[in-house]
Amino acid sequence: MTRISLQSTLRCPKCGHRETLEMPTDCCRWFHACGGCGAILRPKPGDCCVFCSYGTHPCPPARDGGHCCG
């Protein structure tokens, strides 16, 4: 069984600021305030959360082939 990393680095599309955060396994993160410029990140159309849109790793349910918050 492969262990899934629960950390992902979000990159703000407005200012480029990067933050490494722990992803929740039981819910989606639909909003995140950028620590650099304060912009509110929201998922891109078709993505379930900000990690799937702006992270170095998609959320755990999406990596498992499922769809979180579906």
N, C-alpha and C. Protein backbone atom coordinates (compact mmCIF):
# COMPACT_ATOMS: atom_id res chain seq x y z
N MET A 1 0.85 -1.18 0.00
CA MET A 1 0.00 0.00 0.00
C MET A 1 0.90 1.24 0.00
N THR A 2 0.66 2.14 -0.92
CA THR A 2 1.44 3.36 -1.04
C THR A 2 0.84 4.43 -0.14
N ARG A 3 1.70 5.08 0.60
CA ARG A 3 1.25 6.15 1.49
C ARG A 3 1.11 7.44 0.68
N ILE A 4 -0.01 8.11 0.82
CA ILE A 4 -0.27 9.35 0.11
C ILE A 4 0.18 10.53 0.97
N SER A 5 0.97 11.42 0.38
CA SER A 5 1.40 12.61 1.08
C SER A 5 0.19 13.53 1.30
N LEU A 6 0.09 14.07 2.48
CA LEU A 6 -1.01 14.98 2.77
C LEU A 6 -0.58 16.44 2.67
N GLN A 7 0.65 16.68 2.20
CA GLN A 7 1.11 18.05 2.03
C GLN A 7 1.13 18.42 0.56
N SER A 8 0.74 19.63 0.28
CA SER A 8 0.76 20.16 -1.08
C SER A 8 1.13 21.64 -0.98
N THR A 9 1.86 22.13 -1.96
CA THR A 9 2.24 23.54 -1.98
C THR A 9 1.33 24.27 -2.95
N LEU A 10 0.56 25.21 -2.39
CA LEU A 10 -0.31 26.04 -3.22
C LEU A 10 0.49 27.21 -3.76
N ARG A 11 0.26 27.53 -5.04
CA ARG A 11 0.90 28.68 -5.67
C ARG A 11 -0.20 29.64 -6.12
N CYS A 12 -0.14 30.86 -5.63
CA CYS A 12 -1.15 31.86 -5.97
C CYS A 12 -0.97 32.27 -7.44
N PRO A 13 -2.04 32.23 -8.23
CA PRO A 13 -1.93 32.62 -9.63
C PRO A 13 -1.79 34.13 -9.82
N LYS A 14 -2.08 34.91 -8.79
CA LYS A 14 -1.99 36.37 -8.91
C LYS A 14 -0.60 36.90 -8.58
N CYS A 15 0.00 36.40 -7.49
CA CYS A 15 1.29 36.96 -7.06
C CYS A 15 2.43 35.95 -7.04
N GLY A 16 2.12 34.66 -7.19
CA GLY A 16 3.16 33.63 -7.21
C GLY A 16 3.59 33.14 -5.84
N HIS A 17 3.01 33.68 -4.78
CA HIS A 17 3.34 33.24 -3.41
C HIS A 17 3.06 31.75 -3.26
N ARG A 18 3.95 31.05 -2.56
CA ARG A 18 3.81 29.61 -2.33
C ARG A 18 3.65 29.33 -0.85
N GLU A 19 2.72 28.42 -0.54
CA GLU A 19 2.49 27.99 0.84
C GLU A 19 2.33 26.48 0.86
N THR A 20 3.06 25.81 1.74
CA THR A 20 2.89 24.37 1.89
C THR A 20 1.92 24.13 3.03
N LEU A 21 0.86 23.41 2.72
CA LEU A 21 -0.23 23.16 3.66
C LEU A 21 -0.55 21.68 3.73
N GLU A 22 -1.15 21.28 4.83
CA GLU A 22 -1.64 19.92 4.97
C GLU A 22 -3.06 19.87 4.41
N MET A 23 -3.32 18.87 3.57
CA MET A 23 -4.63 18.73 2.96
C MET A 23 -5.55 17.93 3.87
N PRO A 24 -6.81 18.32 3.98
CA PRO A 24 -7.76 17.51 4.73
C PRO A 24 -8.10 16.25 3.94
N THR A 25 -8.44 15.19 4.64
CA THR A 25 -8.82 13.95 3.96
C THR A 25 -10.33 13.74 3.98
N ASP A 26 -11.04 14.56 4.75
CA ASP A 26 -12.47 14.34 4.93
C ASP A 26 -13.36 15.46 4.39
N CYS A 27 -12.75 16.44 3.73
CA CYS A 27 -13.55 17.53 3.17
C CYS A 27 -12.74 18.27 2.11
N CYS A 28 -13.42 19.08 1.32
CA CYS A 28 -12.77 19.90 0.30
C CYS A 28 -12.40 21.25 0.90
N ARG A 29 -11.38 21.83 0.35
CA ARG A 29 -11.03 23.21 0.73
C ARG A 29 -11.38 24.07 -0.47
N TRP A 30 -12.53 24.72 -0.40
CA TRP A 30 -13.05 25.48 -1.53
C TRP A 30 -12.47 26.88 -1.61
N PHE A 31 -11.94 27.40 -0.52
CA PHE A 31 -11.41 28.75 -0.50
C PHE A 31 -10.09 28.75 0.27
N HIS A 32 -9.19 29.63 -0.14
CA HIS A 32 -7.95 29.83 0.60
C HIS A 32 -7.49 31.26 0.36
N ALA A 33 -7.17 31.97 1.43
CA ALA A 33 -6.66 33.33 1.32
C ALA A 33 -5.14 33.25 1.16
N CYS A 34 -4.62 33.81 0.08
CA CYS A 34 -3.19 33.82 -0.18
C CYS A 34 -2.46 34.56 0.93
N GLY A 35 -1.39 33.95 1.44
CA GLY A 35 -0.58 34.58 2.48
C GLY A 35 0.27 35.72 1.95
N GLY A 36 0.37 35.85 0.63
CA GLY A 36 1.17 36.92 0.04
C GLY A 36 0.36 38.16 -0.26
N CYS A 37 -0.66 38.01 -1.09
CA CYS A 37 -1.43 39.18 -1.53
C CYS A 37 -2.85 39.23 -0.97
N GLY A 38 -3.29 38.15 -0.31
CA GLY A 38 -4.63 38.14 0.27
C GLY A 38 -5.73 37.72 -0.69
N ALA A 39 -5.38 37.42 -1.94
CA ALA A 39 -6.40 36.99 -2.92
C ALA A 39 -7.09 35.73 -2.41
N ILE A 40 -8.36 35.62 -2.69
CA ILE A 40 -9.12 34.43 -2.33
C ILE A 40 -9.06 33.45 -3.49
N LEU A 41 -8.39 32.31 -3.25
CA LEU A 41 -8.30 31.28 -4.28
C LEU A 41 -9.54 30.40 -4.22
N ARG A 42 -10.09 30.10 -5.38
CA ARG A 42 -11.24 29.21 -5.51
C ARG A 42 -10.88 28.16 -6.57
N PRO A 43 -11.48 26.97 -6.50
CA PRO A 43 -11.16 25.96 -7.51
C PRO A 43 -11.49 26.43 -8.92
N LYS A 44 -10.69 25.98 -9.87
CA LYS A 44 -10.97 26.23 -11.28
C LYS A 44 -12.17 25.38 -11.69
N PRO A 45 -12.91 25.76 -12.73
CA PRO A 45 -14.04 24.95 -13.19
C PRO A 45 -13.60 23.50 -13.45
N GLY A 46 -14.36 22.57 -12.91
CA GLY A 46 -14.07 21.15 -13.09
C GLY A 46 -13.21 20.55 -11.98
N ASP A 47 -12.59 21.39 -11.14
CA ASP A 47 -11.80 20.90 -10.01
C ASP A 47 -12.65 20.94 -8.75
N CYS A 48 -12.32 20.05 -7.81
CA CYS A 48 -13.13 19.96 -6.60
C CYS A 48 -12.63 20.85 -5.46
N CYS A 49 -11.34 21.27 -5.53
CA CYS A 49 -10.82 22.06 -4.41
C CYS A 49 -9.60 22.87 -4.87
N VAL A 50 -9.12 23.76 -3.99
CA VAL A 50 -7.98 24.61 -4.34
C VAL A 50 -6.70 23.79 -4.52
N PHE A 51 -6.59 22.64 -3.83
CA PHE A 51 -5.39 21.81 -4.00
C PHE A 51 -5.35 21.20 -5.40
N CYS A 52 -6.50 20.81 -5.92
CA CYS A 52 -6.53 20.25 -7.27
C CYS A 52 -6.24 21.31 -8.32
N SER A 53 -6.57 22.56 -8.04
CA SER A 53 -6.34 23.64 -8.99
C SER A 53 -4.96 24.27 -8.90
N TYR A 54 -4.45 24.49 -7.69
CA TYR A 54 -3.23 25.28 -7.52
C TYR A 54 -2.12 24.57 -6.75
N GLY A 55 -2.34 23.32 -6.36
CA GLY A 55 -1.37 22.61 -5.55
C GLY A 55 -0.39 21.77 -6.34
N THR A 56 0.69 21.40 -5.68
CA THR A 56 1.67 20.51 -6.29
C THR A 56 1.15 19.09 -6.33
N HIS A 57 0.16 18.79 -5.50
CA HIS A 57 -0.49 17.47 -5.48
C HIS A 57 -1.99 17.68 -5.39
N PRO A 58 -2.78 16.90 -6.14
CA PRO A 58 -4.23 16.99 -5.98
C PRO A 58 -4.64 16.39 -4.64
N CYS A 59 -5.87 16.64 -4.23
CA CYS A 59 -6.35 16.15 -2.95
C CYS A 59 -6.37 14.62 -2.93
N PRO A 60 -6.30 14.01 -1.73
CA PRO A 60 -6.26 12.55 -1.63
C PRO A 60 -7.41 11.81 -2.32
N PRO A 61 -8.68 12.25 -2.17
CA PRO A 61 -9.74 11.52 -2.88
C PRO A 61 -9.59 11.56 -4.41
N ALA A 62 -9.13 12.69 -4.95
CA ALA A 62 -8.94 12.78 -6.40
C ALA A 62 -7.81 11.86 -6.86
N ARG A 63 -6.76 11.75 -6.05
CA ARG A 63 -5.64 10.85 -6.40
C ARG A 63 -6.05 9.40 -6.31
N ASP A 64 -7.02 9.10 -5.49
CA ASP A 64 -7.50 7.71 -5.35
C ASP A 64 -8.48 7.34 -6.44
N GLY A 65 -8.72 8.26 -7.39
CA GLY A 65 -9.62 7.97 -8.49
C GLY A 65 -11.05 8.35 -8.21
N GLY A 66 -11.30 8.87 -7.04
CA GLY A 66 -12.65 9.29 -6.69
C GLY A 66 -12.82 10.77 -6.95
N HIS A 67 -13.86 11.31 -6.42
CA HIS A 67 -14.11 12.75 -6.53
C HIS A 67 -14.55 13.21 -5.16
N CYS A 68 -13.78 14.10 -4.56
CA CYS A 68 -14.18 14.55 -3.22
C CYS A 68 -15.38 15.47 -3.34
N CYS A 69 -16.14 15.50 -2.29
CA CYS A 69 -17.32 16.37 -2.18
C CYS A 69 -18.31 16.15 -3.30
N GLY A 70 -18.29 14.99 -3.89
CA GLY A 70 -19.17 14.71 -5.01
C GLY A 70 -20.54 14.35 -4.57
